[in-house]
Amino acid sequence: MIASISGRWAMGTFLGRYHCLVLSNNLRGLGVLTNLVLWVFIRCKHYRRRCKIRAPCCNEIYPCRHCHNEATSMLRNHFDRHELVRCDVKQVVCSVCDTEQPVAQVCTNCGVNMGEYFCRICKFYDDDIQKGQFHCDDCGICRVGGREKFFHCEKCGSCYSVALRDNHLCVENSMRHHCPICYEYLFDSLKDTAVMKCGHTMHCECYEEMIKRDKYCCPICSKSIVDMSRTWKRIDEEIEATVMPDDYRYRKKLFSGYSSFTMDLDPANGPFD
């Protein structure tokens, strides 16, 4: 039987829909002290972890760098908007005991593991290790999906699926650009990225939406992104089977490298119009 219950509410940073609310109850029963930590709200929509970070750029505490970037991007003053450089983070705050400390995987005060996956370079914590996180030294950031399933393309400047090894057109630093549809920076985006036949890149969801809207060329270079040969052949066959009106049946448009002109090939009108 529980003899007494004492509760302490520790309110962390509250940012719109991102909550860091921890209820820590000390339950004393049968002579044994049990520390029960109840997460009342999900910390953020990006990662599952037991710590928050102090942003060195603005000295504020946020659940993760994405929460920071989303919050600061909505500031009214355009000059106050900024993004957090992940490697610059020096301090973290344990979400269990609320102790601020230098970056580490285990809390120096309560000993809790603040993240099953921990990268000391990126200052990155995540409990969901099924994502297959790994740090790419060439990219300089952590990726997901499993190290064995990706390779780093030196020319493109990013990690690609092994299915694309020797099977894609390299475009220098193709991933270090913004998506041509939604204009989000691709290199460290959380969304999946598609590599088109021309070598340019965009978000997979943007690519699929573009195809749904019958857009079959790259928004950057206008090259075809799918094999259209069967479509062009079908259109040619339909045109060949279409009977032209009498007024246009004998007219032909001739093109040269410098000009174009129309010829009337109707025998009744002579060789030229």
C-alpha atoms as a PDB file:
ATOM      1  CA  MET A   1       0.000   0.000   0.000  1.00  0.00           C
ATOM      2  CA  ILE A   2       1.249   3.456  -0.837  1.00  0.00           C
ATOM      3  CA  ALA A   3       1.758   5.433   2.347  1.00  0.00           C
ATOM      4  CA  SER A   4       2.167   8.899   0.872  1.00  0.00           C
ATOM      5  CA  ILE A   5       2.284  10.631  -2.458  1.00  0.00           C
ATOM      6  CA  SER A   6       4.115  13.868  -3.142  1.00  0.00           C
ATOM      7  CA  GLY A   7       4.052  15.381  -6.598  1.00  0.00           C
ATOM      8  CA  ARG A   8       6.245  17.944  -8.285  1.00  0.00           C
ATOM      9  CA  TRP A   9       5.331  19.508 -11.585  1.00  0.00           C
ATOM     10  CA  ALA A  10       8.262  20.584 -13.717  1.00  0.00           C
ATOM     11  CA  MET A  11       7.175  22.734 -16.617  1.00  0.00           C
ATOM     12  CA  GLY A  12       9.629  22.779 -19.488  1.00  0.00           C
ATOM     13  CA  THR A  13       9.523  24.899 -22.578  1.00  0.00           C
ATOM     14  CA  PHE A  14       6.060  25.386 -24.048  1.00  0.00           C
ATOM     15  CA  LEU A  15       6.076  26.217 -27.735  1.00  0.00           C
ATOM     16  CA  GLY A  16       2.650  26.210 -29.310  1.00  0.00           C
ATOM     17  CA  ARG A  17       1.812  22.542 -29.762  1.00  0.00           C
ATOM     18  CA  TYR A  18       5.200  21.356 -28.480  1.00  0.00           C
ATOM     19  CA  HIS A  19       4.944  20.503 -24.811  1.00  0.00           C
ATOM     20  CA  CYS A  20       7.621  19.506 -22.365  1.00  0.00           C
ATOM     21  CA  LEU A  21       5.522  18.806 -19.330  1.00  0.00           C
ATOM     22  CA  VAL A  22       6.864  16.283 -16.847  1.00  0.00           C
ATOM     23  CA  LEU A  23       5.075  15.022 -13.782  1.00  0.00           C
ATOM     24  CA  SER A  24       7.532  13.479 -11.360  1.00  0.00           C
ATOM     25  CA  ASN A  25       5.924  11.737  -8.385  1.00  0.00           C
ATOM     26  CA  ASN A  26       7.797  10.343  -5.428  1.00  0.00           C
ATOM     27  CA  LEU A  27       5.864   7.285  -4.307  1.00  0.00           C
ATOM     28  CA  ARG A  28       6.807   5.901  -0.906  1.00  0.00           C
ATOM     29  CA  GLY A  29       5.370   2.499  -0.112  1.00  0.00           C
ATOM     30  CA  LEU A  30       6.520  -0.578   1.736  1.00  0.00           C
ATOM     31  CA  GLY A  31       9.707   1.268   2.681  1.00  0.00           C
ATOM     32  CA  VAL A  32      10.796   1.517  -0.976  1.00  0.00           C
ATOM     33  CA  LEU A  33      11.230   4.843  -2.810  1.00  0.00           C
ATOM     34  CA  THR A  34      10.047   4.676  -6.400  1.00  0.00           C
ATOM     35  CA  ASN A  35      10.479   7.525  -8.834  1.00  0.00           C
ATOM     36  CA  LEU A  36       7.653   7.462 -11.357  1.00  0.00           C
ATOM     37  CA  VAL A  37       7.980   9.688 -14.371  1.00  0.00           C
ATOM     38  CA  LEU A  38       4.775  10.307 -16.298  1.00  0.00           C
ATOM     39  CA  TRP A  39       4.970  12.008 -19.658  1.00  0.00           C
ATOM     40  CA  VAL A  40       1.735  13.996 -19.787  1.00  0.00           C
ATOM     41  CA  PHE A  41       2.329  15.402 -23.252  1.00  0.00           C
ATOM     42  CA  ILE A  42       4.478  14.385 -26.182  1.00  0.00           C
ATOM     43  CA  ARG A  43       7.588  16.556 -26.192  1.00  0.00           C
ATOM     44  CA  CYS A  44       7.557  17.248 -29.904  1.00  0.00           C
ATOM     45  CA  LYS A  45       6.468  15.683 -33.159  1.00  0.00           C
ATOM     46  CA  HIS A  46      10.002  15.019 -34.405  1.00  0.00           C
ATOM     47  CA  TYR A  47      11.837  12.778 -31.923  1.00  0.00           C
ATOM     48  CA  ARG A  48      11.291  10.654 -28.831  1.00  0.00           C
ATOM     49  CA  ARG A  49      13.949  11.491 -26.247  1.00  0.00           C
ATOM     50  CA  ARG A  50      14.441  12.465 -22.611  1.00  0.00           C
ATOM     51  CA  CYS A  51      16.166  15.794 -22.943  1.00  0.00           C
ATOM     52  CA  LYS A  52      15.829  19.273 -24.356  1.00  0.00           C
ATOM     53  CA  ILE A  53      18.530  21.435 -25.898  1.00  0.00           C
ATOM     54  CA  ARG A  54      19.638  24.963 -25.140  1.00  0.00           C
ATOM     55  CA  ALA A  55      20.038  26.858 -28.388  1.00  0.00           C
ATOM     56  CA  PRO A  56      23.327  28.798 -28.245  1.00  0.00           C
ATOM     57  CA  CYS A  57      22.088  31.267 -30.867  1.00  0.00           C
ATOM     58  CA  CYS A  58      19.242  32.647 -28.729  1.00  0.00           C
ATOM     59  CA  ASN A  59      19.935  30.979 -25.353  1.00  0.00           C
ATOM     60  CA  GLU A  60      16.437  29.461 -25.275  1.00  0.00           C
ATOM     61  CA  ILE A  61      15.452  25.865 -24.485  1.00  0.00           C
ATOM     62  CA  TYR A  62      13.680  23.793 -27.144  1.00  0.00           C
ATOM     63  CA  PRO A  63      12.734  20.104 -27.481  1.00  0.00           C
ATOM     64  CA  CYS A  64      14.859  19.760 -30.637  1.00  0.00           C
ATOM     65  CA  ARG A  65      16.435  21.860 -33.369  1.00  0.00           C
ATOM     66  CA  HIS A  66      13.426  21.423 -35.658  1.00  0.00           C
ATOM     67  CA  CYS A  67      11.148  22.820 -32.949  1.00  0.00           C
ATOM     68  CA  HIS A  68      13.566  25.744 -32.660  1.00  0.00           C
ATOM     69  CA  ASN A  69      13.629  26.387 -36.394  1.00  0.00           C
ATOM     70  CA  GLU A  70       9.850  26.164 -36.741  1.00  0.00           C
ATOM     71  CA  ALA A  71       9.306  28.514 -33.801  1.00  0.00           C
ATOM     72  CA  THR A  72      11.832  31.128 -34.909  1.00  0.00           C
ATOM     73  CA  SER A  73      10.626  31.020 -38.517  1.00  0.00           C
ATOM     74  CA  MET A  74       7.279  32.374 -37.312  1.00  0.00           C
ATOM     75  CA  LEU A  75       8.715  35.389 -35.494  1.00  0.00           C
ATOM     76  CA  ARG A  76       7.152  38.646 -36.590  1.00  0.00           C
ATOM     77  CA  ASN A  77      10.478  40.425 -36.964  1.00  0.00           C
ATOM     78  CA  HIS A  78      12.165  38.983 -40.042  1.00  0.00           C
ATOM     79  CA  PHE A  79      15.624  39.818 -38.672  1.00  0.00           C
ATOM     80  CA  ASP A  80      14.994  37.664 -35.580  1.00  0.00           C
ATOM     81  CA  ARG A  81      14.389  34.547 -37.674  1.00  0.00           C
ATOM     82  CA  HIS A  82      17.282  32.117 -37.688  1.00  0.00           C
ATOM     83  CA  GLU A  83      18.163  28.424 -37.731  1.00  0.00           C
ATOM     84  CA  LEU A  84      20.041  26.404 -35.165  1.00  0.00           C
ATOM     85  CA  VAL A  85      23.369  24.872 -36.166  1.00  0.00           C
ATOM     86  CA  ARG A  86      23.199  21.394 -34.641  1.00  0.00           C
ATOM     87  CA  CYS A  87      26.920  21.068 -33.950  1.00  0.00           C
ATOM     88  CA  ASP A  88      26.954  24.309 -31.930  1.00  0.00           C
ATOM     89  CA  VAL A  89      24.767  22.912 -29.126  1.00  0.00           C
ATOM     90  CA  LYS A  90      26.774  22.688 -25.895  1.00  0.00           C
ATOM     91  CA  GLN A  91      24.133  22.293 -23.174  1.00  0.00           C
ATOM     92  CA  VAL A  92      21.139  19.975 -22.745  1.00  0.00           C
ATOM     93  CA  VAL A  93      18.428  19.793 -20.090  1.00  0.00           C
ATOM     94  CA  CYS A  94      17.346  16.417 -18.716  1.00  0.00           C
ATOM     95  CA  SER A  95      13.570  16.077 -19.049  1.00  0.00           C
ATOM     96  CA  VAL A  96      13.394  13.785 -16.007  1.00  0.00           C
ATOM     97  CA  CYS A  97      15.245  15.780 -13.346  1.00  0.00           C
ATOM     98  CA  ASP A  98      15.410  19.141 -15.165  1.00  0.00           C
ATOM     99  CA  THR A  99      19.201  19.349 -14.761  1.00  0.00           C
ATOM    100  CA  GLU A 100      21.122  21.418 -17.295  1.00  0.00           C
ATOM    101  CA  GLN A 101      24.467  19.912 -18.217  1.00  0.00           C
ATOM    102  CA  PRO A 102      27.025  19.537 -21.024  1.00  0.00           C
ATOM    103  CA  VAL A 103      26.051  17.311 -23.947  1.00  0.00           C
ATOM    104  CA  ALA A 104      26.192  13.622 -22.984  1.00  0.00           C
ATOM    105  CA  GLN A 105      24.098  10.495 -23.472  1.00  0.00           C
ATOM    106  CA  VAL A 106      23.512   9.801 -19.764  1.00  0.00           C
ATOM    107  CA  CYS A 107      22.254  12.431 -17.317  1.00  0.00           C
ATOM    108  CA  THR A 108      24.942  13.373 -14.798  1.00  0.00           C
ATOM    109  CA  ASN A 109      22.332  13.860 -12.057  1.00  0.00           C
ATOM    110  CA  CYS A 110      19.699  11.103 -12.288  1.00  0.00           C
ATOM    111  CA  GLY A 111      21.540   8.686 -14.598  1.00  0.00           C
ATOM    112  CA  VAL A 112      18.735   8.360 -17.126  1.00  0.00           C
ATOM    113  CA  ASN A 113      19.666   7.490 -20.712  1.00  0.00           C
ATOM    114  CA  MET A 114      18.511  10.588 -22.609  1.00  0.00           C
ATOM    115  CA  GLY A 115      18.470   8.808 -25.972  1.00  0.00           C
ATOM    116  CA  GLU A 116      19.047   5.236 -27.154  1.00  0.00           C
ATOM    117  CA  TYR A 117      20.786   6.653 -30.218  1.00  0.00           C
ATOM    118  CA  PHE A 118      23.251   9.427 -29.452  1.00  0.00           C
ATOM    119  CA  CYS A 119      25.616  11.291 -31.752  1.00  0.00           C
ATOM    120  CA  ARG A 120      28.167  13.468 -30.001  1.00  0.00           C
ATOM    121  CA  ILE A 121      28.977  15.313 -33.241  1.00  0.00           C
ATOM    122  CA  CYS A 122      25.407  16.270 -34.184  1.00  0.00           C
ATOM    123  CA  LYS A 123      24.214  16.510 -30.553  1.00  0.00           C
ATOM    124  CA  PHE A 124      21.394  14.227 -31.639  1.00  0.00           C
ATOM    125  CA  TYR A 125      19.232  12.036 -29.387  1.00  0.00           C
ATOM    126  CA  ASP A 126      16.514   9.585 -30.445  1.00  0.00           C
ATOM    127  CA  ASP A 127      14.887   6.589 -28.760  1.00  0.00           C
ATOM    128  CA  ASP A 128      13.465   5.099 -31.948  1.00  0.00           C
ATOM    129  CA  ILE A 129      16.516   3.107 -33.049  1.00  0.00           C
ATOM    130  CA  GLN A 130      14.399   1.194 -35.588  1.00  0.00           C
ATOM    131  CA  LYS A 131      15.000   4.152 -37.892  1.00  0.00           C
ATOM    132  CA  GLY A 132      18.537   2.850 -38.376  1.00  0.00           C
ATOM    133  CA  GLN A 133      20.324   6.106 -37.589  1.00  0.00           C
ATOM    134  CA  PHE A 134      23.967   6.494 -38.561  1.00  0.00           C
ATOM    135  CA  HIS A 135      26.414   9.370 -38.823  1.00  0.00           C
ATOM    136  CA  CYS A 136      27.937  10.050 -42.246  1.00  0.00           C
ATOM    137  CA  ASP A 137      31.325  11.731 -41.923  1.00  0.00           C
ATOM    138  CA  ASP A 138      31.204  12.962 -45.524  1.00  0.00           C
ATOM    139  CA  CYS A 139      27.751  14.530 -45.126  1.00  0.00           C
ATOM    140  CA  GLY A 140      28.652  15.753 -41.651  1.00  0.00           C
ATOM    141  CA  ILE A 141      25.202  14.857 -40.284  1.00  0.00           C
ATOM    142  CA  CYS A 142      23.216  11.831 -39.136  1.00  0.00           C
ATOM    143  CA  ARG A 143      21.078   9.909 -41.601  1.00  0.00           C
ATOM    144  CA  VAL A 144      18.364   7.261 -41.155  1.00  0.00           C
ATOM    145  CA  GLY A 145      17.665   4.020 -42.965  1.00  0.00           C
ATOM    146  CA  GLY A 146      20.700   1.904 -42.029  1.00  0.00           C
ATOM    147  CA  ARG A 147      24.320   2.469 -42.998  1.00  0.00           C
ATOM    148  CA  GLU A 148      24.430  -0.717 -45.086  1.00  0.00           C
ATOM    149  CA  LYS A 149      21.599   0.548 -47.325  1.00  0.00           C
ATOM    150  CA  PHE A 150      23.276   3.798 -48.350  1.00  0.00           C
ATOM    151  CA  PHE A 151      26.474   5.040 -49.958  1.00  0.00           C
ATOM    152  CA  HIS A 152      27.905   8.538 -50.161  1.00  0.00           C
ATOM    153  CA  CYS A 153      28.154   9.987 -53.665  1.00  0.00           C
ATOM    154  CA  GLU A 154      31.095  12.382 -53.672  1.00  0.00           C
ATOM    155  CA  LYS A 155      29.947  14.420 -56.678  1.00  0.00           C
ATOM    156  CA  CYS A 156      26.296  14.708 -55.656  1.00  0.00           C
ATOM    157  CA  GLY A 157      27.458  15.481 -52.113  1.00  0.00           C
ATOM    158  CA  SER A 158      24.972  13.293 -50.256  1.00  0.00           C
ATOM    159  CA  CYS A 159      24.042   9.757 -49.246  1.00  0.00           C
ATOM    160  CA  TYR A 160      21.985   7.813 -51.786  1.00  0.00           C
ATOM    161  CA  SER A 161      20.371   4.376 -51.712  1.00  0.00           C
ATOM    162  CA  VAL A 162      22.696   1.581 -52.824  1.00  0.00           C
ATOM    163  CA  ALA A 163      20.191   0.940 -55.640  1.00  0.00           C
ATOM    164  CA  LEU A 164      21.470   4.176 -57.219  1.00  0.00           C
ATOM    165  CA  ARG A 165      25.139   3.192 -57.128  1.00  0.00           C
ATOM    166  CA  ASP A 166      26.403   3.455 -60.738  1.00  0.00           C
ATOM    167  CA  ASN A 167      22.747   3.907 -61.665  1.00  0.00           C
ATOM    168  CA  HIS A 168      22.150   7.656 -61.546  1.00  0.00           C
ATOM    169  CA  LEU A 169      23.317  10.771 -63.352  1.00  0.00           C
ATOM    170  CA  CYS A 170      25.593  12.759 -61.052  1.00  0.00           C
ATOM    171  CA  VAL A 171      24.905  16.464 -60.653  1.00  0.00           C
ATOM    172  CA  GLU A 172      27.392  18.325 -58.489  1.00  0.00           C
ATOM    173  CA  ASN A 173      25.915  19.056 -55.040  1.00  0.00           C
ATOM    174  CA  SER A 174      22.440  18.173 -56.307  1.00  0.00           C
ATOM    175  CA  MET A 175      21.150  17.661 -52.757  1.00  0.00           C
ATOM    176  CA  ARG A 176      22.478  20.964 -51.458  1.00  0.00           C
ATOM    177  CA  HIS A 177      19.621  22.874 -53.050  1.00  0.00           C
ATOM    178  CA  HIS A 178      15.994  23.620 -52.308  1.00  0.00           C
ATOM    179  CA  CYS A 179      13.153  21.438 -53.556  1.00  0.00           C
ATOM    180  CA  PRO A 180      11.929  23.102 -56.779  1.00  0.00           C
ATOM    181  CA  ILE A 181       8.297  22.559 -55.710  1.00  0.00           C
ATOM    182  CA  CYS A 182       8.026  23.401 -51.994  1.00  0.00           C
ATOM    183  CA  TYR A 183      11.428  25.132 -51.729  1.00  0.00           C
ATOM    184  CA  GLU A 184      12.490  23.311 -48.561  1.00  0.00           C
ATOM    185  CA  TYR A 185      16.237  22.696 -48.270  1.00  0.00           C
ATOM    186  CA  LEU A 186      16.824  19.090 -49.326  1.00  0.00           C
ATOM    187  CA  PHE A 187      20.164  18.197 -47.755  1.00  0.00           C
ATOM    188  CA  ASP A 188      18.913  17.833 -44.180  1.00  0.00           C
ATOM    189  CA  SER A 189      15.191  17.523 -44.847  1.00  0.00           C
ATOM    190  CA  LEU A 190      13.242  14.928 -42.864  1.00  0.00           C
ATOM    191  CA  LYS A 191      11.234  13.984 -45.961  1.00  0.00           C
ATOM    192  CA  ASP A 192      12.224  11.319 -48.489  1.00  0.00           C
ATOM    193  CA  THR A 193      13.957  12.576 -51.621  1.00  0.00           C
ATOM    194  CA  ALA A 194      13.643  11.371 -55.214  1.00  0.00           C
ATOM    195  CA  VAL A 195      16.526  11.459 -57.702  1.00  0.00           C
ATOM    196  CA  MET A 196      15.203  12.050 -61.224  1.00  0.00           C
ATOM    197  CA  LYS A 197      16.660  10.702 -64.467  1.00  0.00           C
ATOM    198  CA  CYS A 198      18.338  14.044 -65.131  1.00  0.00           C
ATOM    199  CA  GLY A 199      20.123  13.888 -61.761  1.00  0.00           C
ATOM    200  CA  HIS A 200      18.184  16.693 -60.095  1.00  0.00           C
ATOM    201  CA  THR A 201      16.411  16.029 -56.808  1.00  0.00           C
ATOM    202  CA  MET A 202      13.125  16.885 -55.137  1.00  0.00           C
ATOM    203  CA  HIS A 203      10.900  15.561 -52.362  1.00  0.00           C
ATOM    204  CA  CYS A 204       9.181  12.255 -53.133  1.00  0.00           C
ATOM    205  CA  GLU A 205       5.794  13.649 -52.151  1.00  0.00           C
ATOM    206  CA  CYS A 206       6.342  16.686 -54.387  1.00  0.00           C
ATOM    207  CA  TYR A 207       7.410  14.382 -57.224  1.00  0.00           C
ATOM    208  CA  GLU A 208       4.282  12.243 -56.870  1.00  0.00           C
ATOM    209  CA  GLU A 209       2.042  15.310 -56.714  1.00  0.00           C
ATOM    210  CA  MET A 210       3.665  16.678 -59.862  1.00  0.00           C
ATOM    211  CA  ILE A 211       3.034  13.398 -61.712  1.00  0.00           C
ATOM    212  CA  LYS A 212      -0.613  13.460 -60.593  1.00  0.00           C
ATOM    213  CA  ARG A 213      -0.932  16.875 -62.214  1.00  0.00           C
ATOM    214  CA  ASP A 214       0.402  15.482 -65.515  1.00  0.00           C
ATOM    215  CA  LYS A 215       3.750  17.260 -65.290  1.00  0.00           C
ATOM    216  CA  TYR A 216       6.386  14.920 -66.698  1.00  0.00           C
ATOM    217  CA  CYS A 217       9.443  17.159 -66.982  1.00  0.00           C
ATOM    218  CA  CYS A 218      12.022  18.325 -64.468  1.00  0.00           C
ATOM    219  CA  PRO A 219      11.130  21.774 -63.079  1.00  0.00           C
ATOM    220  CA  ILE A 220      14.824  22.715 -63.227  1.00  0.00           C
ATOM    221  CA  CYS A 221      16.076  21.527 -66.630  1.00  0.00           C
ATOM    222  CA  SER A 222      12.765  20.597 -68.363  1.00  0.00           C
ATOM    223  CA  LYS A 223      14.041  17.133 -69.313  1.00  0.00           C
ATOM    224  CA  SER A 224      11.595  14.220 -69.235  1.00  0.00           C
ATOM    225  CA  ILE A 225      11.536  12.469 -65.882  1.00  0.00           C
ATOM    226  CA  VAL A 226       9.665   9.388 -67.151  1.00  0.00           C
ATOM    227  CA  ASP A 227       9.886   7.355 -70.352  1.00  0.00           C
ATOM    228  CA  MET A 228       7.388   9.082 -72.653  1.00  0.00           C
ATOM    229  CA  SER A 229       8.208   7.130 -75.848  1.00  0.00           C
ATOM    230  CA  ARG A 230       5.012   5.059 -75.737  1.00  0.00           C
ATOM    231  CA  THR A 231       2.957   8.203 -75.170  1.00  0.00           C
ATOM    232  CA  TRP A 232       4.555  10.040 -78.097  1.00  0.00           C
ATOM    233  CA  LYS A 233       4.057   6.982 -80.318  1.00  0.00           C
ATOM    234  CA  ARG A 234       0.381   6.801 -79.421  1.00  0.00           C
ATOM    235  CA  ILE A 235      -0.089  10.515 -80.136  1.00  0.00           C
ATOM    236  CA  ASP A 236       1.676  10.143 -83.508  1.00  0.00           C
ATOM    237  CA  GLU A 237      -0.631   7.271 -84.399  1.00  0.00           C
ATOM    238  CA  GLU A 238      -3.692   9.315 -83.461  1.00  0.00           C
ATOM    239  CA  ILE A 239      -2.499  12.240 -85.583  1.00  0.00           C
ATOM    240  CA  GLU A 240      -1.809   9.978 -88.560  1.00  0.00           C
ATOM    241  CA  ALA A 241      -5.309   8.525 -88.273  1.00  0.00           C
ATOM    242  CA  THR A 242      -6.949  11.954 -88.106  1.00  0.00           C
ATOM    243  CA  VAL A 243      -8.338  13.331 -91.382  1.00  0.00           C
ATOM    244  CA  MET A 244      -7.196  16.914 -91.884  1.00  0.00           C
ATOM    245  CA  PRO A 245      -9.751  19.524 -93.045  1.00  0.00           C
ATOM    246  CA  ASP A 246      -9.584  20.414 -96.735  1.00  0.00           C
ATOM    247  CA  ASP A 247      -8.171  23.886 -96.014  1.00  0.00           C
ATOM    248  CA  TYR A 248      -5.103  22.440 -94.277  1.00  0.00           C
ATOM    249  CA  ARG A 249      -4.691  19.059 -95.942  1.00  0.00           C
ATOM    250  CA  TYR A 250      -1.895  20.159 -98.297  1.00  0.00           C
ATOM    251  CA  ARG A 251      -0.212  22.752 -96.081  1.00  0.00           C
ATOM    252  CA  LYS A 252       3.164  21.875 -94.609  1.00  0.00           C
ATOM    253  CA  LYS A 253       5.267  23.872 -92.168  1.00  0.00           C
ATOM    254  CA  LEU A 254       8.959  23.626 -93.006  1.00  0.00           C
ATOM    255  CA  PHE A 255      11.622  24.535 -90.465  1.00  0.00           C
ATOM    256  CA  SER A 256      15.294  25.291 -90.927  1.00  0.00           C
ATOM    257  CA  GLY A 257      17.946  26.333 -88.487  1.00  0.00           C
ATOM    258  CA  TYR A 258      17.269  30.025 -89.109  1.00  0.00           C
ATOM    259  CA  SER A 259      13.659  30.403 -90.273  1.00  0.00           C
ATOM    260  CA  SER A 260      10.410  28.670 -91.171  1.00  0.00           C
ATOM    261  CA  PHE A 261       7.871  29.025 -93.949  1.00  0.00           C
ATOM    262  CA  THR A 262       4.617  27.441 -95.096  1.00  0.00           C
ATOM    263  CA  MET A 263       4.203  25.620 -98.391  1.00  0.00           C
ATOM    264  CA  ASP A 264       0.938  24.811-100.139  1.00  0.00           C
ATOM    265  CA  LEU A 265       1.364  21.460-101.853  1.00  0.00           C
ATOM    266  CA  ASP A 266      -2.107  21.367-103.411  1.00  0.00           C
ATOM    267  CA  PRO A 267      -1.574  20.542-107.133  1.00  0.00           C
ATOM    268  CA  ALA A 268      -4.516  22.770-108.066  1.00  0.00           C
ATOM    269  CA  ASN A 269      -2.757  25.834-106.657  1.00  0.00           C
ATOM    270  CA  GLY A 270       0.686  25.262-108.117  1.00  0.00           C
ATOM    271  CA  PRO A 271       3.857  24.377-106.280  1.00  0.00           C
ATOM    272  CA  PHE A 272       3.796  27.397-103.942  1.00  0.00           C
ATOM    273  CA  ASP A 273       1.205  29.478-102.168  1.00  0.00           C
END
